[in-house]
C-alpha cells in the first residue's frame, strides 16, 4: 500500500481520504490520539484475520472506505472484496494498490449481491446504522458456515460515552434518515457487550473472542492529547498494555473500543 501523490483537482471524498491516510499510516502527527487508536484497531483486525483464516481465504471488507484493510490483506495473499457506498472511492483505492487480489463491489450491503465469503470485516460501521441487530444479521448471511466476522466498534460502557443504548430505544427507525454518515459525528448507538451477545445469538453466530482496548491516554481523550505530544510512544504503549489487562468490569469502562470475532455456527 502506498500514499498517492496529492492532486489539487481531486474530488472532495478523495481529499478527505488522503487526510485520513496520512494520519493512519503516513506519519502525520497532528492528531496522535486518532493515530494511536486507529493503529490499535488496525493491528487487532489484521492479527485476528491471520489467526482464524488461512492465506487464500476470501474476505469482504464492508464500508471499506480508502481500503486500508483491503489493500493490506490483499498484499498478505488474501482474496479481498472491497465494498463501500461510495463508488467514487474505487479509483482512489486503486492509486494505493501495490499487489494482491481485489474485487470492487460498491453499494449498500443490505441491497447488493455479494459472493459468499470465508470472512467479513466490519470496522467502525455498526455504530453508524439505525438497526445494528439487522445489520449483523445481514452480514452473517454473507459468510459460509464456520466462517468468521471481525468487528471493531466503540463500546457503550466507556465512561465518557453520551450516546443512547440501542436496547433502550423504542423506535430505532427514527435514525434511518441519518444513518451511514462517516466519522464519529455519524455515530448513532454505541453498543454494550450484552447487546452484542444478543445480536450474535439472533444471527446464528458464536462469539469466539472479545478484546477491549484504547484507553483515554491512547485516544487523547479528557485533554490527555496534550501529553501525547511529550510522552515517549513506548510509555503510551506500555500504559495501553496495562489497561488491556485490567479486570474485565473496569476494563470495559476505561477503554473506548472492542474487537469481537464471531463464528457462524
C-alpha atoms as a PDB file:
ATOM      1  CA  UNK A   1       0.000   0.000   0.000  1.00  0.00           C
ATOM      2  CA  UNK A   2       1.359   3.398  -0.952  1.00  0.00           C
ATOM      3  CA  UNK A   3       0.310   7.005  -0.393  1.00  0.00           C
ATOM      4  CA  UNK A   4      -0.823   8.586  -3.672  1.00  0.00           C
ATOM      5  CA  UNK A   5       0.624  11.864  -4.875  1.00  0.00           C
ATOM      6  CA  UNK A   6      -1.865  14.565  -3.879  1.00  0.00           C
ATOM      7  CA  UNK A   7      -3.647  16.403  -6.695  1.00  0.00           C
ATOM      8  CA  UNK A   8      -5.495  19.672  -6.151  1.00  0.00           C
ATOM      9  CA  UNK A   9      -8.229  18.722  -8.628  1.00  0.00           C
ATOM     10  CA  UNK A  10      -9.220  15.522  -6.781  1.00  0.00           C
ATOM     11  CA  UNK A  11     -12.880  15.080  -5.743  1.00  0.00           C
ATOM     12  CA  UNK A  12     -13.740  16.083  -2.174  1.00  0.00           C
ATOM     13  CA  UNK A  13     -14.005  12.490  -0.886  1.00  0.00           C
ATOM     14  CA  UNK A  14     -10.541  11.670  -2.278  1.00  0.00           C
ATOM     15  CA  UNK A  15      -9.062  14.675  -0.486  1.00  0.00           C
ATOM     16  CA  UNK A  16     -10.742  13.637   2.777  1.00  0.00           C
ATOM     17  CA  UNK A  17      -9.469  10.079   2.365  1.00  0.00           C
ATOM     18  CA  UNK A  18      -5.954  11.378   1.757  1.00  0.00           C
ATOM     19  CA  UNK A  19      -6.034  13.319   5.043  1.00  0.00           C
ATOM     20  CA  UNK A  20      -7.059  10.170   6.938  1.00  0.00           C
ATOM     21  CA  UNK A  21      -4.459   8.080   5.135  1.00  0.00           C
ATOM     22  CA  UNK A  22      -1.702  10.400   6.298  1.00  0.00           C
ATOM     23  CA  UNK A  23      -2.956  10.200   9.897  1.00  0.00           C
ATOM     24  CA  UNK A  24      -3.374   6.433   9.831  1.00  0.00           C
ATOM     25  CA  UNK A  25      -0.255   5.272   8.029  1.00  0.00           C
ATOM     26  CA  UNK A  26       1.974   8.007   6.733  1.00  0.00           C
ATOM     27  CA  UNK A  27       3.403   9.827   9.719  1.00  0.00           C
ATOM     28  CA  UNK A  28       1.080  12.808  10.097  1.00  0.00           C
ATOM     29  CA  UNK A  29       1.371  13.590  13.835  1.00  0.00           C
ATOM     30  CA  UNK A  30      -1.247  16.322  14.022  1.00  0.00           C
ATOM     31  CA  UNK A  31      -3.780  14.090  15.832  1.00  0.00           C
ATOM     32  CA  UNK A  32      -1.844  11.468  17.774  1.00  0.00           C
ATOM     33  CA  UNK A  33      -4.902  10.247  19.684  1.00  0.00           C
ATOM     34  CA  UNK A  34      -6.640   9.339  16.442  1.00  0.00           C
ATOM     35  CA  UNK A  35      -3.464   7.769  15.034  1.00  0.00           C
ATOM     36  CA  UNK A  36      -2.874   5.626  18.138  1.00  0.00           C
ATOM     37  CA  UNK A  37      -6.486   4.489  18.296  1.00  0.00           C
ATOM     38  CA  UNK A  38      -6.568   3.604  14.617  1.00  0.00           C
ATOM     39  CA  UNK A  39      -3.256   1.740  14.795  1.00  0.00           C
ATOM     40  CA  UNK A  40      -4.581  -0.462  17.603  1.00  0.00           C
ATOM     41  CA  UNK A  41      -7.826  -1.221  15.757  1.00  0.00           C
ATOM     42  CA  UNK A  42      -5.989  -1.953  12.537  1.00  0.00           C
ATOM     43  CA  UNK A  43      -3.425  -4.245  14.159  1.00  0.00           C
ATOM     44  CA  UNK A  44      -6.141  -6.120  16.064  1.00  0.00           C
ATOM     45  CA  UNK A  45      -8.143  -6.841  12.894  1.00  0.00           C
ATOM     46  CA  UNK A  46      -5.126  -7.918  10.840  1.00  0.00           C
ATOM     47  CA  UNK A  47      -3.771 -10.171  13.605  1.00  0.00           C
ATOM     48  CA  UNK A  48      -7.124 -11.882  14.147  1.00  0.00           C
ATOM     49  CA  UNK A  49      -7.778 -12.433  10.448  1.00  0.00           C
ATOM     50  CA  UNK A  50      -4.393 -14.144  10.200  1.00  0.00           C
ATOM     51  CA  UNK A  51      -5.135 -16.172  13.347  1.00  0.00           C
ATOM     52  CA  UNK A  52      -8.512 -17.515  12.241  1.00  0.00           C
ATOM     53  CA  UNK A  53      -8.354 -17.667   8.440  1.00  0.00           C
ATOM     54  CA  UNK A  54      -5.664 -19.273   6.256  1.00  0.00           C
ATOM     55  CA  UNK A  55      -3.888 -17.437   3.456  1.00  0.00           C
ATOM     56  CA  UNK A  56      -6.003 -17.506   0.303  1.00  0.00           C
ATOM     57  CA  UNK A  57      -9.325 -17.123   2.119  1.00  0.00           C
ATOM     58  CA  UNK A  58     -11.897 -14.735   0.656  1.00  0.00           C
ATOM     59  CA  UNK A  59     -12.911 -11.729   2.779  1.00  0.00           C
ATOM     60  CA  UNK A  60     -15.388  -8.916   2.245  1.00  0.00           C
ATOM     61  CA  UNK A  61     -14.350  -5.555   3.690  1.00  0.00           C
ATOM     62  CA  UNK A  62     -17.680  -3.781   4.340  1.00  0.00           C
ATOM     63  CA  UNK A  63     -17.703   0.034   4.365  1.00  0.00           C
ATOM     64  CA  UNK A  64     -14.052  -0.223   3.382  1.00  0.00           C
ATOM     65  CA  UNK A  65     -13.592   3.498   2.576  1.00  0.00           C
ATOM     66  CA  UNK A  66     -10.000   4.124   1.451  1.00  0.00           C
ATOM     67  CA  UNK A  67      -9.287   0.416   1.610  1.00  0.00           C
ATOM     68  CA  UNK A  68      -6.518   0.051   4.178  1.00  0.00           C
ATOM     69  CA  UNK A  69      -7.674  -3.369   5.397  1.00  0.00           C
ATOM     70  CA  UNK A  70      -8.474  -4.480   1.856  1.00  0.00           C
ATOM     71  CA  UNK A  71      -5.071  -3.469   0.495  1.00  0.00           C
ATOM     72  CA  UNK A  72      -3.032  -4.796   3.423  1.00  0.00           C
ATOM     73  CA  UNK A  73      -4.721  -8.198   3.443  1.00  0.00           C
ATOM     74  CA  UNK A  74      -4.529  -8.452  -0.354  1.00  0.00           C
ATOM     75  CA  UNK A  75      -0.775  -7.935  -0.034  1.00  0.00           C
ATOM     76  CA  UNK A  76      -0.798 -10.766   2.527  1.00  0.00           C
ATOM     77  CA  UNK A  77      -2.354 -13.022  -0.174  1.00  0.00           C
ATOM     78  CA  UNK A  78      -5.978 -12.997   0.955  1.00  0.00           C
ATOM     79  CA  UNK A  79      -8.636 -12.649  -1.737  1.00  0.00           C
ATOM     80  CA  UNK A  80     -10.328  -9.373  -0.927  1.00  0.00           C
ATOM     81  CA  UNK A  81     -13.675  -7.849  -1.881  1.00  0.00           C
ATOM     82  CA  UNK A  82     -13.843  -4.095  -1.268  1.00  0.00           C
ATOM     83  CA  UNK A  83     -17.316  -2.715  -0.519  1.00  0.00           C
ATOM     84  CA  UNK A  84     -18.456   0.819   0.216  1.00  0.00           C
ATOM     85  CA  UNK A  85     -21.438   3.057  -0.523  1.00  0.00           C
ATOM     86  CA  UNK A  86     -19.108   5.480  -2.315  1.00  0.00           C
ATOM     87  CA  UNK A  87     -18.269   4.084  -5.734  1.00  0.00           C
ATOM     88  CA  UNK A  88     -16.155   7.181  -6.354  1.00  0.00           C
ATOM     89  CA  UNK A  89     -13.523   5.896  -3.908  1.00  0.00           C
ATOM     90  CA  UNK A  90     -12.661   2.874  -6.056  1.00  0.00           C
ATOM     91  CA  UNK A  91     -10.213   4.762  -8.246  1.00  0.00           C
ATOM     92  CA  UNK A  92      -8.621   6.357  -5.179  1.00  0.00           C
ATOM     93  CA  UNK A  93      -8.047   2.922  -3.632  1.00  0.00           C
ATOM     94  CA  UNK A  94      -6.503   1.771  -6.902  1.00  0.00           C
ATOM     95  CA  UNK A  95      -3.937   4.594  -6.632  1.00  0.00           C
ATOM     96  CA  UNK A  96      -2.753   2.988  -3.362  1.00  0.00           C
ATOM     97  CA  UNK A  97      -2.588  -0.544  -4.770  1.00  0.00           C
ATOM     98  CA  UNK A  98       0.694  -2.474  -4.811  1.00  0.00           C
ATOM     99  CA  UNK A  99      -0.146  -6.180  -5.030  1.00  0.00           C
ATOM    100  CA  UNK A 100      -2.805  -8.837  -4.465  1.00  0.00           C
ATOM    101  CA  UNK A 101      -6.324  -9.890  -5.431  1.00  0.00           C
ATOM    102  CA  UNK A 102      -9.059  -7.258  -5.012  1.00  0.00           C
ATOM    103  CA  UNK A 103     -12.591  -7.191  -6.414  1.00  0.00           C
ATOM    104  CA  UNK A 104     -14.598  -3.969  -6.094  1.00  0.00           C
ATOM    105  CA  UNK A 105     -18.317  -4.078  -5.208  1.00  0.00           C
ATOM    106  CA  UNK A 106     -19.835  -0.686  -4.357  1.00  0.00           C
ATOM    107  CA  UNK A 107     -23.285  -0.271  -2.825  1.00  0.00           C
ATOM    108  CA  UNK A 108     -25.344  -0.735   0.315  1.00  0.00           C
ATOM    109  CA  UNK A 109     -24.605  -4.122   1.860  1.00  0.00           C
ATOM    110  CA  UNK A 110     -28.324  -4.501   2.632  1.00  0.00           C
ATOM    111  CA  UNK A 111     -29.175  -4.326  -1.071  1.00  0.00           C
ATOM    112  CA  UNK A 112     -26.367  -5.517  -3.321  1.00  0.00           C
ATOM    113  CA  UNK A 113     -25.438  -9.059  -4.297  1.00  0.00           C
ATOM    114  CA  UNK A 114     -22.139 -10.164  -2.761  1.00  0.00           C
ATOM    115  CA  UNK A 115     -20.437 -13.548  -3.060  1.00  0.00           C
ATOM    116  CA  UNK A 116     -20.330 -15.873  -0.053  1.00  0.00           C
ATOM    117  CA  UNK A 117     -17.044 -15.365   1.772  1.00  0.00           C
ATOM    118  CA  UNK A 118     -14.876 -17.060   4.377  1.00  0.00           C
ATOM    119  CA  UNK A 119     -14.777 -13.901   6.440  1.00  0.00           C
ATOM    120  CA  UNK A 120     -16.113 -10.361   6.700  1.00  0.00           C
ATOM    121  CA  UNK A 121     -14.524  -7.253   8.188  1.00  0.00           C
ATOM    122  CA  UNK A 122     -16.828  -4.642   9.730  1.00  0.00           C
ATOM    123  CA  UNK A 123     -14.693  -1.989  11.385  1.00  0.00           C
ATOM    124  CA  UNK A 124     -16.301   1.128  12.870  1.00  0.00           C
ATOM    125  CA  UNK A 125     -19.555   0.702  10.934  1.00  0.00           C
ATOM    126  CA  UNK A 126     -22.204  -0.956  13.130  1.00  0.00           C
ATOM    127  CA  UNK A 127     -22.433   2.193  15.266  1.00  0.00           C
ATOM    128  CA  UNK A 128     -23.472   4.139  12.143  1.00  0.00           C
ATOM    129  CA  UNK A 129     -26.629   2.130  11.363  1.00  0.00           C
ATOM    130  CA  UNK A 130     -30.112   2.597  12.779  1.00  0.00           C
ATOM    131  CA  UNK A 131     -30.701  -1.150  13.124  1.00  0.00           C
ATOM    132  CA  UNK A 132     -27.399  -2.714  14.241  1.00  0.00           C
ATOM    133  CA  UNK A 133     -29.108  -6.035  15.017  1.00  0.00           C
ATOM    134  CA  UNK A 134     -30.410  -6.295  11.446  1.00  0.00           C
ATOM    135  CA  UNK A 135     -27.038  -5.210  10.090  1.00  0.00           C
ATOM    136  CA  UNK A 136     -25.210  -8.038  11.878  1.00  0.00           C
ATOM    137  CA  UNK A 137     -27.904 -10.488  10.786  1.00  0.00           C
ATOM    138  CA  UNK A 138     -27.465  -9.417   7.154  1.00  0.00           C
ATOM    139  CA  UNK A 139     -23.679  -9.657   7.366  1.00  0.00           C
ATOM    140  CA  UNK A 140     -23.961 -13.170   8.817  1.00  0.00           C
ATOM    141  CA  UNK A 141     -25.742 -14.316   5.638  1.00  0.00           C
ATOM    142  CA  UNK A 142     -22.711 -13.355   3.547  1.00  0.00           C
ATOM    143  CA  UNK A 143     -20.301 -15.848   5.121  1.00  0.00           C
ATOM    144  CA  UNK A 144     -20.021 -19.592   4.777  1.00  0.00           C
ATOM    145  CA  UNK A 145     -20.804 -21.924   7.678  1.00  0.00           C
ATOM    146  CA  UNK A 146     -17.842 -21.879  10.065  1.00  0.00           C
ATOM    147  CA  UNK A 147     -16.835 -18.519   8.588  1.00  0.00           C
ATOM    148  CA  UNK A 148     -15.791 -15.513  10.671  1.00  0.00           C
ATOM    149  CA  UNK A 149     -16.826 -11.900  11.159  1.00  0.00           C
ATOM    150  CA  UNK A 150     -14.214  -9.477  12.509  1.00  0.00           C
ATOM    151  CA  UNK A 151     -15.757  -6.374  14.076  1.00  0.00           C
ATOM    152  CA  UNK A 152     -14.445  -3.321  15.882  1.00  0.00           C
ATOM    153  CA  UNK A 153     -16.724  -0.660  17.333  1.00  0.00           C
ATOM    154  CA  UNK A 154     -16.709   1.937  20.126  1.00  0.00           C
ATOM    155  CA  UNK A 155     -18.027   0.284  23.295  1.00  0.00           C
ATOM    156  CA  UNK A 156     -21.077   1.701  25.038  1.00  0.00           C
ATOM    157  CA  UNK A 157     -19.734   1.151  28.554  1.00  0.00           C
ATOM    158  CA  UNK A 158     -16.845   3.626  28.032  1.00  0.00           C
ATOM    159  CA  UNK A 159     -17.116   6.129  30.866  1.00  0.00           C
ATOM    160  CA  UNK A 160     -17.432   9.229  28.680  1.00  0.00           C
ATOM    161  CA  UNK A 161     -19.973   7.773  26.250  1.00  0.00           C
ATOM    162  CA  UNK A 162     -23.021  10.048  25.933  1.00  0.00           C
ATOM    163  CA  UNK A 163     -24.902   8.222  23.166  1.00  0.00           C
ATOM    164  CA  UNK A 164     -28.115   6.236  23.717  1.00  0.00           C
ATOM    165  CA  UNK A 165     -28.288   2.490  24.257  1.00  0.00           C
ATOM    166  CA  UNK A 166     -29.888   0.644  21.358  1.00  0.00           C
ATOM    167  CA  UNK A 167     -31.948  -1.610  23.626  1.00  0.00           C
ATOM    168  CA  UNK A 168     -33.456   1.467  25.321  1.00  0.00           C
ATOM    169  CA  UNK A 169     -34.681   2.938  22.029  1.00  0.00           C
ATOM    170  CA  UNK A 170     -38.355   2.064  21.349  1.00  0.00           C
ATOM    171  CA  UNK A 171     -38.215   3.011  17.660  1.00  0.00           C
ATOM    172  CA  UNK A 172     -34.743   2.974  16.029  1.00  0.00           C
ATOM    173  CA  UNK A 173     -36.322   3.811  12.663  1.00  0.00           C
ATOM    174  CA  UNK A 174     -36.250   7.478  13.698  1.00  0.00           C
ATOM    175  CA  UNK A 175     -32.498   7.368  12.977  1.00  0.00           C
ATOM    176  CA  UNK A 176     -32.783   5.912   9.463  1.00  0.00           C
ATOM    177  CA  UNK A 177     -32.522   9.329   7.838  1.00  0.00           C
ATOM    178  CA  UNK A 178     -29.131   9.994   9.455  1.00  0.00           C
ATOM    179  CA  UNK A 179     -27.507   6.563   9.231  1.00  0.00           C
ATOM    180  CA  UNK A 180     -24.411   5.694   7.170  1.00  0.00           C
ATOM    181  CA  UNK A 181     -22.740   9.051   7.814  1.00  0.00           C
ATOM    182  CA  UNK A 182     -18.932   8.714   8.090  1.00  0.00           C
ATOM    183  CA  UNK A 183     -16.683   9.663  11.011  1.00  0.00           C
ATOM    184  CA  UNK A 184     -17.554   9.993  14.684  1.00  0.00           C
ATOM    185  CA  UNK A 185     -20.293  12.581  14.168  1.00  0.00           C
ATOM    186  CA  UNK A 186     -22.228   9.829  12.387  1.00  0.00           C
ATOM    187  CA  UNK A 187     -22.391   7.555  15.449  1.00  0.00           C
ATOM    188  CA  UNK A 188     -25.967   6.631  16.406  1.00  0.00           C
ATOM    189  CA  UNK A 189     -25.629   3.979  19.127  1.00  0.00           C
ATOM    190  CA  UNK A 190     -22.558   2.719  20.964  1.00  0.00           C
ATOM    191  CA  UNK A 191     -23.266  -0.921  21.685  1.00  0.00           C
ATOM    192  CA  UNK A 192     -22.866  -2.625  25.050  1.00  0.00           C
ATOM    193  CA  UNK A 193     -21.443  -6.123  25.274  1.00  0.00           C
ATOM    194  CA  UNK A 194     -24.723  -7.669  26.371  1.00  0.00           C
ATOM    195  CA  UNK A 195     -26.374  -6.197  23.267  1.00  0.00           C
ATOM    196  CA  UNK A 196     -23.649  -7.606  21.016  1.00  0.00           C
ATOM    197  CA  UNK A 197     -24.118 -11.033  22.623  1.00  0.00           C
ATOM    198  CA  UNK A 198     -27.869 -10.848  21.976  1.00  0.00           C
ATOM    199  CA  UNK A 199     -27.354  -9.832  18.342  1.00  0.00           C
ATOM    200  CA  UNK A 200     -24.933 -12.733  17.879  1.00  0.00           C
ATOM    201  CA  UNK A 201     -27.464 -15.305  19.096  1.00  0.00           C
ATOM    202  CA  UNK A 202     -30.176 -13.834  16.875  1.00  0.00           C
ATOM    203  CA  UNK A 203     -27.825 -14.069  13.882  1.00  0.00           C
ATOM    204  CA  UNK A 204     -26.645 -17.647  14.418  1.00  0.00           C
ATOM    205  CA  UNK A 205     -23.197 -16.528  15.488  1.00  0.00           C
ATOM    206  CA  UNK A 206     -20.876 -17.622  18.262  1.00  0.00           C
ATOM    207  CA  UNK A 207     -18.544 -15.103  19.889  1.00  0.00           C
ATOM    208  CA  UNK A 208     -15.077 -16.634  19.933  1.00  0.00           C
ATOM    209  CA  UNK A 209     -13.048 -13.635  21.069  1.00  0.00           C
ATOM    210  CA  UNK A 210     -13.532 -10.252  22.738  1.00  0.00           C
ATOM    211  CA  UNK A 211     -10.697  -7.728  23.077  1.00  0.00           C
ATOM    212  CA  UNK A 212     -11.157  -4.337  24.757  1.00  0.00           C
ATOM    213  CA  UNK A 213      -8.601  -1.591  24.172  1.00  0.00           C
ATOM    214  CA  UNK A 214      -7.798   2.119  23.630  1.00  0.00           C
ATOM    215  CA  UNK A 215      -7.670   3.924  26.977  1.00  0.00           C
ATOM    216  CA  UNK A 216      -8.115   7.718  27.382  1.00  0.00           C
ATOM    217  CA  UNK A 217      -4.372   8.375  27.092  1.00  0.00           C
ATOM    218  CA  UNK A 218      -4.059   6.344  23.912  1.00  0.00           C
ATOM    219  CA  UNK A 219      -7.078   8.201  22.487  1.00  0.00           C
ATOM    220  CA  UNK A 220      -6.042  11.600  23.792  1.00  0.00           C
ATOM    221  CA  UNK A 221      -9.418  11.983  25.491  1.00  0.00           C
ATOM    222  CA  UNK A 222     -10.235  14.215  28.510  1.00  0.00           C
ATOM    223  CA  UNK A 223      -7.469  16.602  27.380  1.00  0.00           C
ATOM    224  CA  UNK A 224      -4.775  13.914  27.552  1.00  0.00           C
ATOM    225  CA  UNK A 225      -3.903  14.713  23.933  1.00  0.00           C
ATOM    226  CA  UNK A 226      -1.537  17.350  25.322  1.00  0.00           C
ATOM    227  CA  UNK A 227       0.513  14.575  26.944  1.00  0.00           C
ATOM    228  CA  UNK A 228       0.722  12.627  23.687  1.00  0.00           C
ATOM    229  CA  UNK A 229       2.939  15.372  22.295  1.00  0.00           C
ATOM    230  CA  UNK A 230       5.560  14.967  25.013  1.00  0.00           C
ATOM    231  CA  UNK A 231       5.385  11.372  26.286  1.00  0.00           C
ATOM    232  CA  UNK A 232       7.528   8.700  24.593  1.00  0.00           C
ATOM    233  CA  UNK A 233       5.496   6.348  22.410  1.00  0.00           C
ATOM    234  CA  UNK A 234       6.874   3.361  24.292  1.00  0.00           C
ATOM    235  CA  UNK A 235       5.362   4.734  27.528  1.00  0.00           C
ATOM    236  CA  UNK A 236       1.972   5.281  25.864  1.00  0.00           C
ATOM    237  CA  UNK A 237       2.087   1.718  24.510  1.00  0.00           C
ATOM    238  CA  UNK A 238       3.047   0.415  27.964  1.00  0.00           C
ATOM    239  CA  UNK A 239       0.026   2.109  29.583  1.00  0.00           C
ATOM    240  CA  UNK A 240      -2.184   0.737  26.807  1.00  0.00           C
ATOM    241  CA  UNK A 241      -0.918  -2.772  27.522  1.00  0.00           C
ATOM    242  CA  UNK A 242      -1.569  -2.392  31.238  1.00  0.00           C
ATOM    243  CA  UNK A 243      -5.135  -1.130  30.822  1.00  0.00           C
ATOM    244  CA  UNK A 244      -5.917  -4.012  28.451  1.00  0.00           C
ATOM    245  CA  UNK A 245      -5.050  -6.364  31.319  1.00  0.00           C
ATOM    246  CA  UNK A 246      -7.288  -4.770  33.957  1.00  0.00           C
ATOM    247  CA  UNK A 247     -10.184  -6.753  35.498  1.00  0.00           C
ATOM    248  CA  UNK A 248     -12.968  -7.033  32.933  1.00  0.00           C
ATOM    249  CA  UNK A 249     -15.524  -4.847  34.745  1.00  0.00           C
ATOM    250  CA  UNK A 250     -13.023  -1.991  34.966  1.00  0.00           C
ATOM    251  CA  UNK A 251     -11.503  -2.536  31.547  1.00  0.00           C
ATOM    252  CA  UNK A 252     -14.818  -2.109  29.710  1.00  0.00           C
ATOM    253  CA  UNK A 253     -15.361   1.266  31.416  1.00  0.00           C
ATOM    254  CA  UNK A 254     -11.831   2.605  30.935  1.00  0.00           C
ATOM    255  CA  UNK A 255     -11.347   1.660  27.284  1.00  0.00           C
ATOM    256  CA  UNK A 256     -13.191   3.007  24.263  1.00  0.00           C
ATOM    257  CA  UNK A 257     -13.137   0.140  21.762  1.00  0.00           C
ATOM    258  CA  UNK A 258     -13.932  -3.525  21.443  1.00  0.00           C
ATOM    259  CA  UNK A 259     -12.941  -6.133  18.878  1.00  0.00           C
ATOM    260  CA  UNK A 260     -15.312  -9.079  18.550  1.00  0.00           C
ATOM    261  CA  UNK A 261     -14.654 -12.180  16.466  1.00  0.00           C
ATOM    262  CA  UNK A 262     -17.836 -14.077  15.549  1.00  0.00           C
ATOM    263  CA  UNK A 263     -18.070 -17.561  14.043  1.00  0.00           C
ATOM    264  CA  UNK A 264     -21.057 -18.740  12.025  1.00  0.00           C
ATOM    265  CA  UNK A 265     -22.395 -21.968  13.540  1.00  0.00           C
END
